[in-house]
Amino acid sequence: QVQLVESGGGLVESGGSLRLSCATSGISFGISAVAWNRQAPGNQREFVARITNGGDTAYADSVKGRVTISRDNAKNTVYLQMDNLKPEDTAVYYCDVVDFSGRPYWGKGTQVTVSS
């Protein structure tokens, strides 16, 4: 049974930090890439960051320099370290995974709220 569990969200003041985690299990073909995406109320889901199995990373311009994505393959977990958070970072953050067969998986999300 495939499981993706996001955690680490919460309420933080502007300028603060949070570390999100995405724990995965049961993905038979192995993980090709993991992306963090976010969706604020009334907005479309938008890309935040991505890391491939080889460790290549990519970031949205809006978070570049403030966010770091990393993975611990031994723990099947991907992290999103977010620093200098801004109110516009408020959203539900989702972990999206693609396995080596191309199949996508989605988590239920974790809420991040940044107060001004």
Protein backbone atom coordinates (compact mmCIF):
# COMPACT_ATOMS: atom_id res chain seq x y z
CA GLN A 1 0.00 0.00 0.00
CA VAL A 2 1.43 3.34 -1.07
CA GLN A 3 1.59 6.05 1.54
CA LEU A 4 2.72 9.65 1.30
CA VAL A 5 2.55 11.56 4.55
CA GLU A 6 3.40 15.23 4.74
CA SER A 7 4.16 16.85 8.08
CA GLY A 8 5.84 19.86 9.58
CA GLY A 9 3.38 22.56 8.67
CA GLY A 10 2.08 25.09 11.14
CA LEU A 11 1.70 28.73 12.04
CA VAL A 12 4.82 30.87 11.98
CA GLU A 13 5.54 34.58 11.99
CA SER A 14 6.92 36.35 8.98
CA GLY A 15 10.65 35.73 8.78
CA GLY A 16 10.38 32.41 10.55
CA SER A 17 11.27 28.91 9.38
CA LEU A 18 9.59 25.57 8.92
CA ARG A 19 10.82 22.18 7.80
CA LEU A 20 8.32 20.06 5.93
CA SER A 21 8.71 16.30 5.59
CA CYS A 22 7.27 13.87 3.08
CA ALA A 23 7.55 10.26 4.19
CA THR A 24 6.91 7.67 1.51
CA SER A 25 6.38 3.95 1.56
CA GLY A 26 5.16 1.17 -0.69
CA ILE A 27 6.25 2.63 -4.02
CA SER A 28 7.32 -0.53 -5.81
CA PHE A 29 9.16 0.91 -8.80
CA GLY A 30 11.20 3.36 -6.79
CA ILE A 31 10.95 7.11 -6.76
CA SER A 32 12.08 9.03 -9.81
CA ALA A 33 11.33 12.53 -8.58
CA VAL A 34 9.59 14.32 -5.75
CA ALA A 35 8.08 17.76 -5.98
CA TRP A 36 6.63 20.09 -3.42
CA ASN A 37 3.72 22.09 -4.74
CA ARG A 38 1.43 24.47 -2.90
CA GLN A 39 -2.07 25.80 -3.22
CA ALA A 40 -3.44 28.91 -1.55
CA PRO A 41 -7.20 29.51 -1.24
CA GLY A 42 -8.61 30.65 -4.55
CA ASN A 43 -5.36 29.97 -6.40
CA GLN A 44 -4.16 27.17 -8.61
CA ARG A 45 -1.61 24.70 -7.36
CA GLU A 46 1.87 25.99 -8.07
CA PHE A 47 5.30 24.45 -8.19
CA VAL A 48 7.68 25.12 -5.30
CA ALA A 49 10.63 22.75 -5.61
CA ARG A 50 11.66 19.40 -7.07
CA ILE A 51 14.41 16.86 -6.50
CA THR A 52 15.24 13.91 -8.73
CA ASN A 53 16.57 10.50 -7.78
CA GLY A 54 19.97 11.74 -8.88
CA GLY A 55 19.77 14.72 -6.57
CA ASP A 56 19.15 17.41 -9.17
CA THR A 57 17.03 20.23 -7.77
CA ALA A 58 14.85 22.98 -9.15
CA TYR A 59 13.05 25.85 -7.46
CA ALA A 60 10.35 28.33 -8.26
CA ASP A 61 11.66 31.87 -8.59
CA SER A 62 9.36 32.98 -5.77
CA VAL A 63 11.15 30.78 -3.24
CA LYS A 64 14.67 30.59 -4.64
CA GLY A 65 17.23 31.42 -1.97
CA ARG A 66 14.76 30.81 0.86
CA VAL A 67 13.88 27.16 0.33
CA THR A 68 16.00 24.00 0.18
CA ILE A 69 14.75 20.60 -0.90
CA SER A 70 16.63 17.49 0.15
CA ARG A 71 16.09 13.76 0.43
CA ASP A 72 17.13 10.94 2.71
CA ASN A 73 16.90 7.82 0.55
CA ALA A 74 17.51 5.53 3.52
CA LYS A 75 14.40 6.95 5.19
CA ASN A 76 12.41 7.38 1.97
CA THR A 77 11.78 10.93 3.08
CA VAL A 78 12.03 14.26 1.31
CA TYR A 79 12.37 17.53 3.20
CA LEU A 80 11.58 21.13 2.40
CA GLN A 81 13.45 23.61 4.56
CA MET A 82 11.77 26.99 4.33
CA ASP A 83 13.44 30.08 5.77
CA ASN A 84 12.53 33.76 5.83
CA LEU A 85 8.90 32.86 5.32
CA LYS A 86 6.52 35.49 4.01
CA PRO A 87 2.73 35.81 4.32
CA GLU A 88 2.45 34.98 0.62
CA ASP A 89 3.93 31.55 1.38
CA THR A 90 0.70 30.68 3.18
CA ALA A 91 -0.79 27.64 1.48
CA VAL A 92 -1.36 23.93 1.72
CA TYR A 93 1.87 22.23 0.71
CA TYR A 94 1.68 18.93 -1.15
CA CYS A 95 4.25 16.27 -1.79
CA ASP A 96 3.94 14.85 -5.31
CA VAL A 97 5.90 11.76 -6.29
CA VAL A 98 6.56 10.08 -9.63
CA ASP A 99 7.92 6.55 -9.71
CA PHE A 100 10.17 5.08 -12.40
CA SER A 101 7.18 3.71 -14.29
CA GLY A 102 5.84 7.25 -14.57
CA ARG A 103 2.99 6.76 -12.13
CA PRO A 104 2.21 9.80 -9.96
CA TYR A 105 1.22 9.82 -6.29
CA TRP A 106 -0.11 12.66 -4.15
CA GLY A 107 -0.17 13.34 -0.46
CA LYS A 108 -2.98 15.03 1.48
CA GLY A 109 -0.96 18.14 2.20
CA THR A 110 0.16 20.11 5.21
CA GLN A 111 -0.98 23.63 6.04
CA VAL A 112 1.58 26.42 6.29
CA THR A 113 0.36 29.75 7.63
CA VAL A 114 2.65 32.76 7.86
CA SER A 115 1.41 35.72 9.87
CA SER A 116 2.52 39.25 9.11
